[in-house]
Amino acid sequence: MSDENPSVPADTAPPTETTTARFFVGQLVQHKKFDYRGVVFDADATFRGTDEWYEEVAKSRPPRDQPWYHVLVHRGERTTYVAERHLAADDRGPIDHPLIGQFFDRFRDGRYGLKGGVQ
């Protein structure tokens, strides 16, 4: 597999600068290369995984100093960790994932709302 993996990398590398993320938590996205849909459930300003994970999984070598996203994958039980350059906005409606209710409490106006209303 390339820039995603069912296991989420550990938070080990501190961000080096402020970066503006293109996508937000609760937003629907589509992976440009692997054509799966999902919803962002967390975002990192820069790559926060280990060097080992990056070398093994991120075969296309996306930039570490740009945003990376944790995504619940539609019609699956996986989560992925994806570089921003591999994602595009998606507007095809809700996704099906067993962890949706753990992070979100509603789907309205094309996005998921975080539990507790903070977003």
Protein backbone atom coordinates (compact mmCIF):
# COMPACT_ATOMS: atom_id res chain seq x y z
CA MET A 1 0.00 0.00 0.00
CA SER A 2 1.23 3.53 -0.57
CA ASP A 3 0.47 6.70 1.40
CA GLU A 4 -1.98 5.09 3.73
CA ASN A 5 -2.02 2.23 6.14
CA PRO A 6 -4.65 0.75 8.45
CA SER A 7 -2.39 1.57 11.38
CA VAL A 8 -2.04 5.23 12.24
CA PRO A 9 1.55 6.37 12.83
CA ALA A 10 2.64 7.50 16.26
CA ASP A 11 2.95 11.19 17.08
CA THR A 12 6.68 11.59 17.21
CA ALA A 13 7.77 14.57 15.14
CA PRO A 14 6.88 18.07 16.34
CA PRO A 15 5.59 20.50 13.71
CA THR A 16 8.30 22.81 12.42
CA GLU A 17 6.15 25.70 11.17
CA THR A 18 2.57 26.89 10.89
CA THR A 19 0.82 25.42 7.85
CA THR A 20 -2.75 26.06 6.75
CA ALA A 21 -4.71 22.89 6.11
CA ARG A 22 -6.89 22.72 2.99
CA PHE A 23 -9.36 20.26 4.56
CA PHE A 24 -11.12 20.32 7.93
CA VAL A 25 -12.33 17.73 10.41
CA GLY A 26 -15.72 16.48 9.26
CA GLN A 27 -15.07 17.20 5.58
CA LEU A 28 -15.63 14.53 2.93
CA VAL A 29 -12.57 13.77 0.82
CA GLN A 30 -11.51 11.48 -2.00
CA HIS A 31 -8.06 9.97 -2.50
CA LYS A 32 -6.84 11.09 -5.94
CA LYS A 33 -4.71 8.02 -6.65
CA PHE A 34 -6.62 5.19 -4.98
CA ASP A 35 -10.12 6.61 -5.57
CA TYR A 36 -11.61 5.89 -2.17
CA ARG A 37 -13.84 8.29 -0.26
CA GLY A 38 -13.77 9.14 3.40
CA VAL A 39 -14.15 11.77 6.09
CA VAL A 40 -11.34 13.62 7.86
CA PHE A 41 -11.39 12.88 11.60
CA ASP A 42 -8.09 14.53 12.53
CA ALA A 43 -5.45 16.70 10.85
CA ASP A 44 -1.77 17.32 11.47
CA ALA A 45 -0.10 20.55 10.29
CA THR A 46 2.91 18.46 9.24
CA PHE A 47 3.75 14.75 9.08
CA ARG A 48 3.63 13.34 12.62
CA GLY A 49 4.59 9.72 12.00
CA THR A 50 7.88 7.95 12.44
CA ASP A 51 10.69 7.90 9.91
CA GLU A 52 10.21 4.13 9.65
CA TRP A 53 6.51 4.48 8.78
CA TYR A 54 7.27 7.15 6.17
CA GLU A 55 9.99 5.06 4.52
CA GLU A 56 7.84 1.91 4.47
CA VAL A 57 4.42 3.32 3.57
CA ALA A 58 4.76 6.73 1.90
CA LYS A 59 6.24 5.40 -1.33
CA SER A 60 5.55 8.55 -3.37
CA ARG A 61 7.43 10.60 -0.77
CA PRO A 62 4.86 13.34 -0.18
CA PRO A 63 6.20 16.40 1.64
CA ARG A 64 6.52 16.04 5.39
CA ASP A 65 6.18 19.80 5.93
CA GLN A 66 2.63 19.97 4.53
CA PRO A 67 -0.64 18.87 6.23
CA TRP A 68 -1.49 15.17 6.68
CA TYR A 69 -4.97 13.83 7.48
CA HIS A 70 -6.47 10.92 9.39
CA VAL A 71 -9.38 9.60 7.29
CA LEU A 72 -12.20 7.13 8.00
CA VAL A 73 -12.53 5.13 4.77
CA HIS A 74 -16.02 4.73 3.26
CA ARG A 75 -17.46 1.18 3.24
CA GLY A 76 -14.62 -0.20 5.29
CA GLU A 77 -13.25 -0.49 8.78
CA ARG A 78 -9.90 1.12 7.98
CA THR A 79 -8.45 4.48 8.76
CA THR A 80 -5.69 6.01 6.68
CA TYR A 81 -3.05 8.68 7.16
CA VAL A 82 -2.80 10.68 3.95
CA ALA A 83 -0.74 13.62 2.70
CA GLU A 84 -2.78 16.62 1.62
CA ARG A 85 -1.55 16.45 -1.98
CA HIS A 86 -3.32 13.10 -2.42
CA LEU A 87 -6.78 14.37 -1.40
CA ALA A 88 -9.58 16.29 -3.11
CA ALA A 89 -12.88 17.52 -1.69
CA ASP A 90 -15.83 15.17 -2.16
CA ASP A 91 -19.53 16.06 -2.14
CA ARG A 92 -21.29 12.74 -2.79
CA GLY A 93 -22.96 12.42 0.59
CA PRO A 94 -22.45 10.53 3.86
CA ILE A 95 -19.95 7.73 4.26
CA ASP A 96 -20.41 4.34 5.87
CA HIS A 97 -17.84 3.54 8.58
CA PRO A 98 -18.28 1.88 11.99
CA LEU A 99 -16.41 4.68 13.81
CA ILE A 100 -18.51 7.59 12.49
CA GLY A 101 -20.49 7.78 15.75
CA GLN A 102 -17.31 7.86 17.82
CA PHE A 103 -16.26 11.20 16.29
CA PHE A 104 -19.37 12.77 14.76
CA ASP A 105 -22.99 13.24 15.79
CA ARG A 106 -24.65 14.49 12.59
CA PHE A 107 -24.31 14.94 8.83
CA ARG A 108 -25.70 18.21 7.55
CA ASP A 109 -24.95 20.55 4.65
CA GLY A 110 -22.41 18.13 3.19
CA ARG A 111 -20.26 17.75 6.30
CA TYR A 112 -20.07 15.87 9.57
CA GLY A 113 -20.41 17.73 12.87
CA LEU A 114 -18.11 16.78 15.72
CA LYS A 115 -19.61 15.31 18.86
CA GLY A 116 -19.99 18.07 21.40
CA GLY A 117 -20.35 20.71 18.70
CA VAL A 118 -16.75 21.95 18.71
CA GLN A 119 -15.22 22.20 15.25
